Amino acid sequence: MSGLLEEYRGGAPLAIVHPHGGVRIIAALTIGEQGIAFADVGWTQQPSYHPMHLVEGALEGQGPWHVGDARIERLTNGNHDGDLEAWRAWAASSEATPSERRRAEGFLVAMLGEAGLL
């Protein structure tokens, strides 16, 4: 996993860039054998959209990381205008508590299992 899980668990601001979904800030992340699942920020507050996603493929790299056609990277002041500030606002919200992140991770593990990617 080349440090991605450690970065996530350490609270690093992460984003995924996907050719079909653009840039999305990662609120929760689970890594399976054959792909990843992640939740967008706002996943608890906007039930009318699709906030959880699967990306199939082997996880590769040391950061940035690659999975399928997507790239996962740490947010900095120099990339993805405004996303680091959006992540900081999210990190201060009730959705970013350890219990809420664990709840999201539970849903994501179930998604990976249903898709046969665990």
PDB file of N, CA and C in Angstrom:
ATOM      1  N   MET A   1       0.810  -1.201   0.000  1.00  0.00           N
ATOM      2  CA  MET A   1       0.000   0.000   0.000  1.00  0.00           C
ATOM      3  C   MET A   1       0.843   1.251   0.000  1.00  0.00           C
ATOM      4  N   SER A   2       2.118   1.080   0.107  1.00  0.00           N
ATOM      5  CA  SER A   2       3.081   2.154  -0.118  1.00  0.00           C
ATOM      6  C   SER A   2       2.796   3.437   0.642  1.00  0.00           C
ATOM      7  N   GLY A   3       2.310   3.320   1.866  1.00  0.00           N
ATOM      8  CA  GLY A   3       2.133   4.500   2.691  1.00  0.00           C
ATOM      9  C   GLY A   3       0.795   5.202   2.580  1.00  0.00           C
ATOM     10  N   LEU A   4      -0.068   4.827   1.649  1.00  0.00           N
ATOM     11  CA  LEU A   4      -1.346   5.520   1.506  1.00  0.00           C
ATOM     12  C   LEU A   4      -2.203   5.355   2.750  1.00  0.00           C
ATOM     13  N   LEU A   5      -2.313   4.148   3.243  1.00  0.00           N
ATOM     14  CA  LEU A   5      -3.129   3.919   4.428  1.00  0.00           C
ATOM     15  C   LEU A   5      -2.570   4.681   5.625  1.00  0.00           C
ATOM     16  N   GLU A   6      -1.261   4.726   5.750  1.00  0.00           N
ATOM     17  CA  GLU A   6      -0.648   5.478   6.840  1.00  0.00           C
ATOM     18  C   GLU A   6      -0.934   6.968   6.712  1.00  0.00           C
ATOM     19  N   GLU A   7      -0.847   7.491   5.498  1.00  0.00           N
ATOM     20  CA  GLU A   7      -1.168   8.910   5.263  1.00  0.00           C
ATOM     21  C   GLU A   7      -2.620   9.198   5.649  1.00  0.00           C
ATOM     22  N   TYR A   8      -3.530   8.336   5.203  1.00  0.00           N
ATOM     23  CA  TYR A   8      -4.951   8.508   5.513  1.00  0.00           C
ATOM     24  C   TYR A   8      -5.195   8.454   7.017  1.00  0.00           C
ATOM     25  N   ARG A   9      -4.688   7.416   7.654  1.00  0.00           N
ATOM     26  CA  ARG A   9      -4.909   7.253   9.108  1.00  0.00           C
ATOM     27  C   ARG A   9      -4.230   8.347   9.912  1.00  0.00           C
ATOM     28  N   GLY A  10      -3.165   8.920   9.372  1.00  0.00           N
ATOM     29  CA  GLY A  10      -2.486  10.028  10.034  1.00  0.00           C
ATOM     30  C   GLY A  10      -3.186  11.365   9.848  1.00  0.00           C
ATOM     31  N   GLY A  11      -4.277  11.376   9.086  1.00  0.00           N
ATOM     32  CA  GLY A  11      -5.041  12.603   8.904  1.00  0.00           C
ATOM     33  C   GLY A  11      -4.565  13.504   7.792  1.00  0.00           C
ATOM     34  N   ALA A  12      -3.780  12.964   6.866  1.00  0.00           N
ATOM     35  CA  ALA A  12      -3.297  13.785   5.746  1.00  0.00           C
ATOM     36  C   ALA A  12      -4.459  14.175   4.839  1.00  0.00           C
ATOM     37  N   PRO A  13      -4.438  15.380   4.307  1.00  0.00           N
ATOM     38  CA  PRO A  13      -5.463  15.793   3.346  1.00  0.00           C
ATOM     39  C   PRO A  13      -5.198  15.117   1.996  1.00  0.00           C
ATOM     40  N   LEU A  14      -6.132  14.273   1.566  1.00  0.00           N
ATOM     41  CA  LEU A  14      -5.953  13.510   0.336  1.00  0.00           C
ATOM     42  C   LEU A  14      -7.068  13.802  -0.654  1.00  0.00           C
ATOM     43  N   ALA A  15      -6.723  13.718  -1.926  1.00  0.00           N
ATOM     44  CA  ALA A  15      -7.706  13.872  -2.997  1.00  0.00           C
ATOM     45  C   ALA A  15      -7.453  12.791  -4.034  1.00  0.00           C
ATOM     46  N   ILE A  16      -8.498  12.435  -4.734  1.00  0.00           N
ATOM     47  CA  ILE A  16      -8.388  11.497  -5.840  1.00  0.00           C
ATOM     48  C   ILE A  16      -8.748  12.242  -7.111  1.00  0.00           C
ATOM     49  N   VAL A  17      -7.958  12.021  -8.140  1.00  0.00           N
ATOM     50  CA  VAL A  17      -8.199  12.635  -9.448  1.00  0.00           C
ATOM     51  C   VAL A  17      -8.550  11.496 -10.392  1.00  0.00           C
ATOM     52  N   HIS A  18      -9.759  11.543 -10.922  1.00  0.00           N
ATOM     53  CA  HIS A  18     -10.237  10.476 -11.807  1.00  0.00           C
ATOM     54  C   HIS A  18     -10.691  11.101 -13.117  1.00  0.00           C
ATOM     55  N   PRO A  19     -10.367  10.478 -14.246  1.00  0.00           N
ATOM     56  CA  PRO A  19     -10.732  11.069 -15.536  1.00  0.00           C
ATOM     57  C   PRO A  19     -12.242  11.211 -15.753  1.00  0.00           C
ATOM     58  N   HIS A  20     -13.037  10.426 -15.030  1.00  0.00           N
ATOM     59  CA  HIS A  20     -14.494  10.508 -15.210  1.00  0.00           C
ATOM     60  C   HIS A  20     -15.195  11.225 -14.066  1.00  0.00           C
ATOM     61  N   GLY A  21     -14.470  11.537 -12.991  1.00  0.00           N
ATOM     62  CA  GLY A  21     -15.108  12.164 -11.845  1.00  0.00           C
ATOM     63  C   GLY A  21     -14.423  13.421 -11.372  1.00  0.00           C
ATOM     64  N   GLY A  22     -13.332  13.791 -12.017  1.00  0.00           N
ATOM     65  CA  GLY A  22     -12.608  14.990 -11.613  1.00  0.00           C
ATOM     66  C   GLY A  22     -11.890  14.808 -10.295  1.00  0.00           C
ATOM     67  N   VAL A  23     -11.687  15.903  -9.590  1.00  0.00           N
ATOM     68  CA  VAL A  23     -10.997  15.895  -8.304  1.00  0.00           C
ATOM     69  C   VAL A  23     -12.036  15.769  -7.201  1.00  0.00           C
ATOM     70  N   ARG A  24     -11.809  14.826  -6.298  1.00  0.00           N
ATOM     71  CA  ARG A  24     -12.690  14.646  -5.147  1.00  0.00           C
ATOM     72  C   ARG A  24     -11.835  14.558  -3.895  1.00  0.00           C
ATOM     73  N   ILE A  25     -12.266  15.256  -2.861  1.00  0.00           N
ATOM     74  CA  ILE A  25     -11.572  15.223  -1.581  1.00  0.00           C
ATOM     75  C   ILE A  25     -12.005  13.951  -0.851  1.00  0.00           C
ATOM     76  N   ILE A  26     -11.047  13.226  -0.308  1.00  0.00           N
ATOM     77  CA  ILE A  26     -11.325  11.955   0.355  1.00  0.00           C
ATOM     78  C   ILE A  26     -11.634  12.185   1.832  1.00  0.00           C
ATOM     79  N   ALA A  27     -12.849  11.777   2.229  1.00  0.00           N
ATOM     80  CA  ALA A  27     -13.248  11.842   3.638  1.00  0.00           C
ATOM     81  C   ALA A  27     -12.973  10.527   4.348  1.00  0.00           C
ATOM     82  N   ALA A  28     -13.142   9.421   3.631  1.00  0.00           N
ATOM     83  CA  ALA A  28     -12.890   8.093   4.197  1.00  0.00           C
ATOM     84  C   ALA A  28     -12.356   7.212   3.082  1.00  0.00           C
ATOM     85  N   LEU A  29     -11.555   6.231   3.465  1.00  0.00           N
ATOM     86  CA  LEU A  29     -10.869   5.401   2.481  1.00  0.00           C
ATOM     87  C   LEU A  29     -10.718   3.984   3.013  1.00  0.00           C
ATOM     88  N   THR A  30     -10.929   3.020   2.122  1.00  0.00           N
ATOM     89  CA  THR A  30     -10.671   1.617   2.424  1.00  0.00           C
ATOM     90  C   THR A  30      -9.961   1.015   1.223  1.00  0.00           C
ATOM     91  N   ILE A  31      -8.947   0.203   1.499  1.00  0.00           N
ATOM     92  CA  ILE A  31      -8.153  -0.393   0.435  1.00  0.00           C
ATOM     93  C   ILE A  31      -8.385  -1.899   0.421  1.00  0.00           C
ATOM     94  N   GLY A  32      -8.753  -2.414  -0.740  1.00  0.00           N
ATOM     95  CA  GLY A  32      -8.945  -3.844  -0.902  1.00  0.00           C
ATOM     96  C   GLY A  32      -7.830  -4.449  -1.732  1.00  0.00           C
ATOM     97  N   GLU A  33      -7.934  -5.742  -1.979  1.00  0.00           N
ATOM     98  CA  GLU A  33      -6.927  -6.453  -2.775  1.00  0.00           C
ATOM     99  C   GLU A  33      -6.912  -5.993  -4.230  1.00  0.00           C
ATOM    100  N   GLN A  34      -8.085  -5.632  -4.753  1.00  0.00           N
ATOM    101  CA  GLN A  34      -8.203  -5.320  -6.182  1.00  0.00           C
ATOM    102  C   GLN A  34      -8.814  -3.956  -6.457  1.00  0.00           C
ATOM    103  N   GLY A  35      -8.751  -3.062  -5.468  1.00  0.00           N
ATOM    104  CA  GLY A  35      -9.293  -1.726  -5.672  1.00  0.00           C
ATOM    105  C   GLY A  35      -9.435  -0.975  -4.364  1.00  0.00           C
ATOM    106  N   ILE A  36     -10.006   0.206  -4.453  1.00  0.00           N
ATOM    107  CA  ILE A  36     -10.249   1.034  -3.273  1.00  0.00           C
ATOM    108  C   ILE A  36     -11.698   1.484  -3.280  1.00  0.00           C
ATOM    109  N   ALA A  37     -12.156   1.905  -2.107  1.00  0.00           N
ATOM    110  CA  ALA A  37     -13.446   2.573  -1.976  1.00  0.00           C
ATOM    111  C   ALA A  37     -13.192   3.841  -1.165  1.00  0.00           C
ATOM    112  N   PHE A  38     -13.878   4.914  -1.542  1.00  0.00           N
ATOM    113  CA  PHE A  38     -13.703   6.168  -0.799  1.00  0.00           C
ATOM    114  C   PHE A  38     -15.015   6.918  -0.724  1.00  0.00           C
ATOM    115  N   ALA A  39     -15.108   7.789   0.273  1.00  0.00           N
ATOM    116  CA  ALA A  39     -16.266   8.651   0.461  1.00  0.00           C
ATOM    117  C   ALA A  39     -15.843  10.099   0.259  1.00  0.00           C
ATOM    118  N   ASP A  40     -16.702  10.855  -0.399  1.00  0.00           N
ATOM    119  CA  ASP A  40     -16.489  12.293  -0.564  1.00  0.00           C
ATOM    120  C   ASP A  40     -16.756  13.012   0.753  1.00  0.00           C
ATOM    121  N   VAL A  41     -16.158  14.187   0.932  1.00  0.00           N
ATOM    122  CA  VAL A  41     -16.555  15.029   2.057  1.00  0.00           C
ATOM    123  C   VAL A  41     -18.018  15.394   1.853  1.00  0.00           C
ATOM    124  N   GLY A  42     -18.750  15.504   2.951  1.00  0.00           N
ATOM    125  CA  GLY A  42     -20.182  15.790   2.863  1.00  0.00           C
ATOM    126  C   GLY A  42     -21.041  14.547   2.726  1.00  0.00           C
ATOM    127  N   TRP A  43     -20.450  13.368   2.848  1.00  0.00           N
ATOM    128  CA  TRP A  43     -21.198  12.135   2.614  1.00  0.00           C
ATOM    129  C   TRP A  43     -22.360  11.964   3.582  1.00  0.00           C
ATOM    130  N   THR A  44     -22.283  12.529   4.778  1.00  0.00           N
ATOM    131  CA  THR A  44     -23.381  12.382   5.742  1.00  0.00           C
ATOM    132  C   THR A  44     -24.456  13.438   5.568  1.00  0.00           C
ATOM    133  N   GLN A  45     -24.153  14.486   4.848  1.00  0.00           N
ATOM    134  CA  GLN A  45     -25.046  15.634   4.820  1.00  0.00           C
ATOM    135  C   GLN A  45     -25.791  15.832   3.512  1.00  0.00           C
ATOM    136  N   GLN A  46     -25.457  15.079   2.505  1.00  0.00           N
ATOM    137  CA  GLN A  46     -26.100  15.263   1.209  1.00  0.00           C
ATOM    138  C   GLN A  46     -26.526  13.906   0.647  1.00  0.00           C
ATOM    139  N   PRO A  47     -27.594  13.331   1.211  1.00  0.00           N
ATOM    140  CA  PRO A  47     -27.977  11.974   0.808  1.00  0.00           C
ATOM    141  C   PRO A  47     -28.528  11.876  -0.607  1.00  0.00           C
ATOM    142  N   SER A  48     -28.756  12.982  -1.267  1.00  0.00           N
ATOM    143  CA  SER A  48     -29.364  12.922  -2.600  1.00  0.00           C
ATOM    144  C   SER A  48     -28.344  12.745  -3.724  1.00  0.00           C
ATOM    145  N   TYR A  49     -27.064  12.685  -3.399  1.00  0.00           N
ATOM    146  CA  TYR A  49     -26.070  12.452  -4.436  1.00  0.00           C
ATOM    147  C   TYR A  49     -25.292  11.186  -4.111  1.00  0.00           C
ATOM    148  N   HIS A  50     -24.394  10.793  -4.975  1.00  0.00           N
ATOM    149  CA  HIS A  50     -23.649   9.545  -4.837  1.00  0.00           C
ATOM    150  C   HIS A  50     -22.290   9.838  -4.201  1.00  0.00           C
ATOM    151  N   PRO A  51     -22.174   9.757  -2.859  1.00  0.00           N
ATOM    152  CA  PRO A  51     -20.947  10.178  -2.187  1.00  0.00           C
ATOM    153  C   PRO A  51     -19.893   9.091  -1.986  1.00  0.00           C
ATOM    154  N   MET A  52     -20.210   7.845  -2.302  1.00  0.00           N
ATOM    155  CA  MET A  52     -19.250   6.762  -2.094  1.00  0.00           C
ATOM    156  C   MET A  52     -18.926   6.106  -3.428  1.00  0.00           C
ATOM    157  N   HIS A  53     -17.648   5.772  -3.597  1.00  0.00           N
ATOM    158  CA  HIS A  53     -17.175   5.343  -4.913  1.00  0.00           C
ATOM    159  C   HIS A  53     -16.222   4.161  -4.807  1.00  0.00           C
ATOM    160  N   LEU A  54     -16.236   3.326  -5.844  1.00  0.00           N
ATOM    161  CA  LEU A  54     -15.279   2.236  -6.005  1.00  0.00           C
ATOM    162  C   LEU A  54     -14.365   2.558  -7.165  1.00  0.00           C
ATOM    163  N   VAL A  55     -13.089   2.224  -7.025  1.00  0.00           N
ATOM    164  CA  VAL A  55     -12.134   2.339  -8.128  1.00  0.00           C
ATOM    165  C   VAL A  55     -11.403   1.002  -8.206  1.00  0.00           C
ATOM    166  N   GLU A  56     -11.563   0.315  -9.313  1.00  0.00           N
ATOM    167  CA  GLU A  56     -10.928  -0.988  -9.490  1.00  0.00           C
ATOM    168  C   GLU A  56      -9.513  -0.836 -10.014  1.00  0.00           C
ATOM    169  N   GLY A  57      -8.645  -1.747  -9.554  1.00  0.00           N
ATOM    170  CA  GLY A  57      -7.269  -1.779 -10.027  1.00  0.00           C
ATOM    171  C   GLY A  57      -6.306  -1.962  -8.881  1.00  0.00           C
ATOM    172  N   ALA A  58      -5.091  -2.322  -9.237  1.00  0.00           N
ATOM    173  CA  ALA A  58      -4.034  -2.496  -8.240  1.00  0.00           C
ATOM    174  C   ALA A  58      -3.532  -1.132  -7.775  1.00  0.00           C
ATOM    175  N   LEU A  59      -3.316  -0.999  -6.486  1.00  0.00           N
ATOM    176  CA  LEU A  59      -2.765   0.230  -5.923  1.00  0.00           C
ATOM    177  C   LEU A  59      -1.255   0.212  -6.123  1.00  0.00           C
ATOM    178  N   GLU A  60      -0.745   1.277  -6.728  1.00  0.00           N
ATOM    179  CA  GLU A  60       0.686   1.365  -7.036  1.00  0.00           C
ATOM    180  C   GLU A  60       1.214   2.740  -6.657  1.00  0.00           C
ATOM    181  N   GLY A  61       2.515   2.812  -6.458  1.00  0.00           N
ATOM    182  CA  GLY A  61       3.170   4.096  -6.230  1.00  0.00           C
ATOM    183  C   GLY A  61       3.529   4.332  -4.782  1.00  0.00           C
ATOM    184  N   GLN A  62       4.269   5.407  -4.605  1.00  0.00           N
ATOM    185  CA  GLN A  62       4.755   5.820  -3.297  1.00  0.00           C
ATOM    186  C   GLN A  62       4.152   7.161  -2.881  1.00  0.00           C
ATOM    187  N   GLY A  63       3.278   7.696  -3.665  1.00  0.00           N
ATOM    188  CA  GLY A  63       2.713   9.016  -3.438  1.00  0.00           C
ATOM    189  C   GLY A  63       3.303  10.002  -4.432  1.00  0.00           C
ATOM    190  N   PRO A  64       2.551  10.389  -5.439  1.00  0.00           N
ATOM    191  CA  PRO A  64       1.143  10.012  -5.573  1.00  0.00           C
ATOM    192  C   PRO A  64       0.979   8.521  -5.869  1.00  0.00           C
ATOM    193  N   TRP A  65      -0.204   8.038  -5.537  1.00  0.00           N
ATOM    194  CA  TRP A  65      -0.541   6.632  -5.750  1.00  0.00           C
ATOM    195  C   TRP A  65      -1.472   6.539  -6.949  1.00  0.00           C
ATOM    196  N   HIS A  66      -1.465   5.394  -7.594  1.00  0.00           N
ATOM    197  CA  HIS A  66      -2.319   5.169  -8.758  1.00  0.00           C
ATOM    198  C   HIS A  66      -3.131   3.912  -8.533  1.00  0.00           C
ATOM    199  N   VAL A  67      -4.385   3.961  -8.934  1.00  0.00           N
ATOM    200  CA  VAL A  67      -5.268   2.805  -8.906  1.00  0.00           C
ATOM    201  C   VAL A  67      -6.195   2.941 -10.111  1.00  0.00           C
ATOM    202  N   GLY A  68      -6.159   1.945 -10.978  1.00  0.00           N
ATOM    203  CA  GLY A  68      -6.923   2.059 -12.221  1.00  0.00           C
ATOM    204  C   GLY A  68      -6.491   3.299 -12.975  1.00  0.00           C
ATOM    205  N   ASP A  69      -7.475   4.083 -13.420  1.00  0.00           N
ATOM    206  CA  ASP A  69      -7.196   5.332 -14.135  1.00  0.00           C
ATOM    207  C   ASP A  69      -7.072   6.535 -13.200  1.00  0.00           C
ATOM    208  N   ALA A  70      -7.121   6.302 -11.913  1.00  0.00           N
ATOM    209  CA  ALA A  70      -7.140   7.401 -10.938  1.00  0.00           C
ATOM    210  C   ALA A  70      -5.767   7.597 -10.287  1.00  0.00           C
ATOM    211  N   ARG A  71      -5.573   8.815  -9.779  1.00  0.00           N
ATOM    212  CA  ARG A  71      -4.361   9.178  -9.038  1.00  0.00           C
ATOM    213  C   ARG A  71      -4.805   9.739  -7.688  1.00  0.00           C
ATOM    214  N   ILE A  72      -4.170   9.290  -6.628  1.00  0.00           N
ATOM    215  CA  ILE A  72      -4.448   9.802  -5.284  1.00  0.00           C
ATOM    216  C   ILE A  72      -3.229  10.584  -4.838  1.00  0.00           C
ATOM    217  N   GLU A  73      -3.470  11.791  -4.342  1.00  0.00           N
ATOM    218  CA  GLU A  73      -2.354  12.632  -3.930  1.00  0.00           C
ATOM    219  C   GLU A  73      -2.708  13.424  -2.684  1.00  0.00           C
ATOM    220  N   ARG A  74      -1.668  13.870  -2.029  1.00  0.00           N
ATOM    221  CA  ARG A  74      -1.835  14.723  -0.856  1.00  0.00           C
ATOM    222  C   ARG A  74      -2.143  16.138  -1.329  1.00  0.00           C
ATOM    223  N   LEU A  75      -3.125  16.765  -0.713  1.00  0.00           N
ATOM    224  CA  LEU A  75      -3.460  18.148  -1.050  1.00  0.00           C
ATOM    225  C   LEU A  75      -2.416  19.088  -0.459  1.00  0.00           C
ATOM    226  N   THR A  76      -2.001  20.058  -1.248  1.00  0.00           N
ATOM    227  CA  THR A  76      -1.070  21.080  -0.792  1.00  0.00           C
ATOM    228  C   THR A  76      -1.600  22.434  -1.247  1.00  0.00           C
ATOM    229  N   ASN A  77      -0.930  23.498  -0.850  1.00  0.00           N
ATOM    230  CA  ASN A  77      -1.327  24.830  -1.297  1.00  0.00           C
ATOM    231  C   ASN A  77      -1.136  25.007  -2.793  1.00  0.00           C
ATOM    232  N   GLY A  78      -0.294  24.194  -3.404  1.00  0.00           N
ATOM    233  CA  GLY A  78       0.019  24.375  -4.816  1.00  0.00           C
ATOM    234  C   GLY A  78      -0.789  23.538  -5.785  1.00  0.00           C
ATOM    235  N   ASN A  79      -1.694  22.694  -5.294  1.00  0.00           N
ATOM    236  CA  ASN A  79      -2.481  21.882  -6.227  1.00  0.00           C
ATOM    237  C   ASN A  79      -3.974  22.005  -5.937  1.00  0.00           C
ATOM    238  N   HIS A  80      -4.771  21.882  -6.956  1.00  0.00           N
ATOM    239  CA  HIS A  80      -6.240  21.864  -6.838  1.00  0.00           C
ATOM    240  C   HIS A  80      -6.781  23.052  -6.049  1.00  0.00           C
ATOM    241  N   ASP A  81      -6.784  24.195  -6.661  1.00  0.00           N
ATOM    242  CA  ASP A  81      -7.203  25.451  -6.033  1.00  0.00           C
ATOM    243  C   ASP A  81      -8.434  25.293  -5.151  1.00  0.00           C
ATOM    244  N   GLY A  82      -8.301  25.702  -3.919  1.00  0.00           N
ATOM    245  CA  GLY A  82      -9.416  25.739  -2.984  1.00  0.00           C
ATOM    246  C   GLY A  82      -9.695  24.422  -2.269  1.00  0.00           C
ATOM    247  N   ASP A  83      -9.159  23.312  -2.765  1.00  0.00           N
ATOM    248  CA  ASP A  83      -9.490  22.025  -2.156  1.00  0.00           C
ATOM    249  C   ASP A  83      -8.848  21.841  -0.786  1.00  0.00           C
ATOM    250  N   LEU A  84      -7.662  22.368  -0.570  1.00  0.00           N
ATOM    251  CA  LEU A  84      -7.044  22.245   0.750  1.00  0.00           C
ATOM    252  C   LEU A  84      -7.875  23.008   1.779  1.00  0.00           C
ATOM    253  N   GLU A  85      -8.357  24.184   1.415  1.00  0.00           N
ATOM    254  CA  GLU A  85      -9.202  24.955   2.325  1.00  0.00           C
ATOM    255  C   GLU A  85     -10.516  24.219   2.579  1.00  0.00           C
ATOM    256  N   ALA A  86     -11.078  23.597   1.554  1.00  0.00           N
ATOM    257  CA  ALA A  86     -12.313  22.816   1.715  1.00  0.00           C
ATOM    258  C   ALA A  86     -12.058  21.619   2.628  1.00  0.00           C
ATOM    259  N   TRP A  87     -10.900  20.977   2.472  1.00  0.00           N
ATOM    260  CA  TRP A  87     -10.563  19.852   3.340  1.00  0.00           C
ATOM    261  C   TRP A  87     -10.431  20.327   4.788  1.00  0.00           C
ATOM    262  N   ARG A  88      -9.793  21.461   4.996  1.00  0.00           N
ATOM    263  CA  ARG A  88      -9.627  21.985   6.364  1.00  0.00           C
ATOM    264  C   ARG A  88     -10.984  22.280   7.015  1.00  0.00           C
ATOM    265  N   ALA A  89     -11.899  22.846   6.239  1.00  0.00           N
ATOM    266  CA  ALA A  89     -13.248  23.106   6.767  1.00  0.00           C
ATOM    267  C   ALA A  89     -13.933  21.791   7.120  1.00  0.00           C
ATOM    268  N   TRP A  90     -13.796  20.789   6.247  1.00  0.00           N
ATOM    269  CA  TRP A  90     -14.375  19.487   6.530  1.00  0.00           C
ATOM    270  C   TRP A  90     -13.728  18.875   7.781  1.00  0.00           C
ATOM    271  N   ALA A  91     -12.406  18.971   7.909  1.00  0.00           N
ATOM    272  CA  ALA A  91     -11.687  18.372   9.029  1.00  0.00           C
ATOM    273  C   ALA A  91     -12.137  18.943  10.372  1.00  0.00           C
ATOM    274  N   ALA A  92     -12.675  20.154  10.367  1.00  0.00           N
ATOM    275  CA  ALA A  92     -13.176  20.782  11.587  1.00  0.00           C
ATOM    276  C   ALA A  92     -14.645  20.444  11.835  1.00  0.00           C
ATOM    277  N   SER A  93     -15.270  19.698  10.921  1.00  0.00           N
ATOM    278  CA  SER A  93     -16.699  19.391  11.035  1.00  0.00           C
ATOM    279  C   SER A  93     -16.943  18.105  11.817  1.00  0.00           C
ATOM    280  N   SER A  94     -18.205  17.882  12.184  1.00  0.00           N
ATOM    281  CA  SER A  94     -18.576  16.665  12.919  1.00  0.00           C
ATOM    282  C   SER A  94     -18.412  15.412  12.059  1.00  0.00           C
ATOM    283  N   GLU A  95     -18.400  15.561  10.759  1.00  0.00           N
ATOM    284  CA  GLU A  95     -18.230  14.414   9.872  1.00  0.00           C
ATOM    285  C   GLU A  95     -16.819  13.830   9.934  1.00  0.00           C
ATOM    286  N   ALA A  96     -15.861  14.608  10.395  1.00  0.00           N
ATOM    287  CA  ALA A  96     -14.461  14.177  10.417  1.00  0.00           C
ATOM    288  C   ALA A  96     -14.066  13.502  11.732  1.00  0.00           C
ATOM    289  N   THR A  97     -15.010  13.290  12.637  1.00  0.00           N
ATOM    290  CA  THR A  97     -14.678  12.639  13.901  1.00  0.00           C
ATOM    291  C   THR A  97     -14.284  11.185  13.641  1.00  0.00           C
ATOM    292  N   PRO A  98     -13.475  10.618  14.525  1.00  0.00           N
ATOM    293  CA  PRO A  98     -13.094   9.212  14.335  1.00  0.00           C
ATOM    294  C   PRO A  98     -14.291   8.271  14.211  1.00  0.00           C
ATOM    295  N   SER A  99     -15.345   8.497  14.981  1.00  0.00           N
ATOM    296  CA  SER A  99     -16.507   7.600  14.899  1.00  0.00           C
ATOM    297  C   SER A  99     -17.208   7.707  13.548  1.00  0.00           C
ATOM    298  N   GLU A 100     -17.311   8.897  12.997  1.00  0.00           N
ATOM    299  CA  GLU A 100     -17.943   9.053  11.684  1.00  0.00           C
ATOM    300  C   GLU A 100     -17.078   8.458  10.577  1.00  0.00           C
ATOM    301  N   ARG A 101     -15.778   8.617  10.692  1.00  0.00           N
ATOM    302  CA  ARG A 101     -14.888   8.021   9.686  1.00  0.00           C
ATOM    303  C   ARG A 101     -14.966   6.496   9.736  1.00  0.00           C
ATOM    304  N   ARG A 102     -15.027   5.926  10.953  1.00  0.00           N
ATOM    305  CA  ARG A 102     -15.175   4.471  11.078  1.00  0.00           C
ATOM    306  C   ARG A 102     -16.509   4.007  10.490  1.00  0.00           C
ATOM    307  N   ARG A 103     -17.558   4.793  10.696  1.00  0.00           N
ATOM    308  CA  ARG A 103     -18.865   4.447  10.129  1.00  0.00           C
ATOM    309  C   ARG A 103     -18.787   4.417   8.611  1.00  0.00           C
ATOM    310  N   ALA A 104     -18.156   5.425   8.016  1.00  0.00           N
ATOM    311  CA  ALA A 104     -17.989   5.456   6.555  1.00  0.00           C
ATOM    312  C   ALA A 104     -17.149   4.272   6.099  1.00  0.00           C
ATOM    313  N   GLU A 105     -16.083   3.977   6.832  1.00  0.00           N
ATOM    314  CA  GLU A 105     -15.220   2.862   6.452  1.00  0.00           C
ATOM    315  C   GLU A 105     -15.986   1.543   6.466  1.00  0.00           C
ATOM    316  N   GLY A 106     -16.924   1.389   7.388  1.00  0.00           N
ATOM    317  CA  GLY A 106     -17.763   0.189   7.425  1.00  0.00           C
ATOM    318  C   GLY A 106     -18.576   0.046   6.145  1.00  0.00           C
ATOM    319  N   PHE A 107     -19.178   1.137   5.698  1.00  0.00           N
ATOM    320  CA  PHE A 107     -19.926   1.117   4.432  1.00  0.00           C
ATOM    321  C   PHE A 107     -18.998   0.785   3.262  1.00  0.00           C
ATOM    322  N   LEU A 108     -17.803   1.368   3.279  1.00  0.00           N
ATOM    323  CA  LEU A 108     -16.860   1.168   2.173  1.00  0.00           C
ATOM    324  C   LEU A 108     -16.357  -0.275   2.110  1.00  0.00           C
ATOM    325  N   VAL A 109     -16.105  -0.876   3.254  1.00  0.00           N
ATOM    326  CA  VAL A 109     -15.692  -2.279   3.276  1.00  0.00           C
ATOM    327  C   VAL A 109     -16.803  -3.145   2.688  1.00  0.00           C
ATOM    328  N   ALA A 110     -18.035  -2.852   3.054  1.00  0.00           N
ATOM    329  CA  ALA A 110     -19.170  -3.614   2.517  1.00  0.00           C
ATOM    330  C   ALA A 110     -19.244  -3.449   0.994  1.00  0.00           C
ATOM    331  N   MET A 111     -19.022  -2.249   0.507  1.00  0.00           N
ATOM    332  CA  MET A 111     -19.027  -2.017  -0.946  1.00  0.00           C
ATOM    333  C   MET A 111     -17.943  -2.842  -1.640  1.00  0.00           C
ATOM    334  N   LEU A 112     -16.738  -2.826  -1.085  1.00  0.00           N
ATOM    335  CA  LEU A 112     -15.642  -3.595  -1.672  1.00  0.00           C
ATOM    336  C   LEU A 112     -15.981  -5.088  -1.675  1.00  0.00           C
ATOM    337  N   GLY A 113     -16.563  -5.568  -0.585  1.00  0.00           N
ATOM    338  CA  GLY A 113     -16.932  -6.970  -0.506  1.00  0.00           C
ATOM    339  C   GLY A 113     -17.992  -7.345  -1.535  1.00  0.00           C
ATOM    340  N   GLU A 114     -19.018  -6.508  -1.662  1.00  0.00           N
ATOM    341  CA  GLU A 114     -20.074  -6.765  -2.645  1.00  0.00           C
ATOM    342  C   GLU A 114     -19.535  -6.765  -4.064  1.00  0.00           C
ATOM    343  N   ALA A 115     -18.537  -5.947  -4.321  1.00  0.00           N
ATOM    344  CA  ALA A 115     -17.952  -5.857  -5.663  1.00  0.00           C
ATOM    345  C   ALA A 115     -16.875  -6.930  -5.900  1.00  0.00           C
ATOM    346  N   GLY A 116     -16.566  -7.720  -4.872  1.00  0.00           N
ATOM    347  CA  GLY A 116     -15.545  -8.749  -4.996  1.00  0.00           C
ATOM    348  C   GLY A 116     -14.136  -8.205  -5.075  1.00  0.00           C
ATOM    349  N   LEU A 117     -13.901  -7.037  -4.467  1.00  0.00           N
ATOM    350  CA  LEU A 117     -12.590  -6.400  -4.551  1.00  0.00           C
ATOM    351  C   LEU A 117     -11.782  -6.499  -3.264  1.00  0.00           C
ATOM    352  N   LEU A 118     -12.314  -7.164  -2.251  1.00  0.00           N
ATOM    353  CA  LEU A 118     -11.578  -7.289  -0.988  1.00  0.00           C
ATOM    354  C   LEU A 118     -10.440  -8.244  -1.077  1.00  0.00           C
TER     355      LEU A 118
END
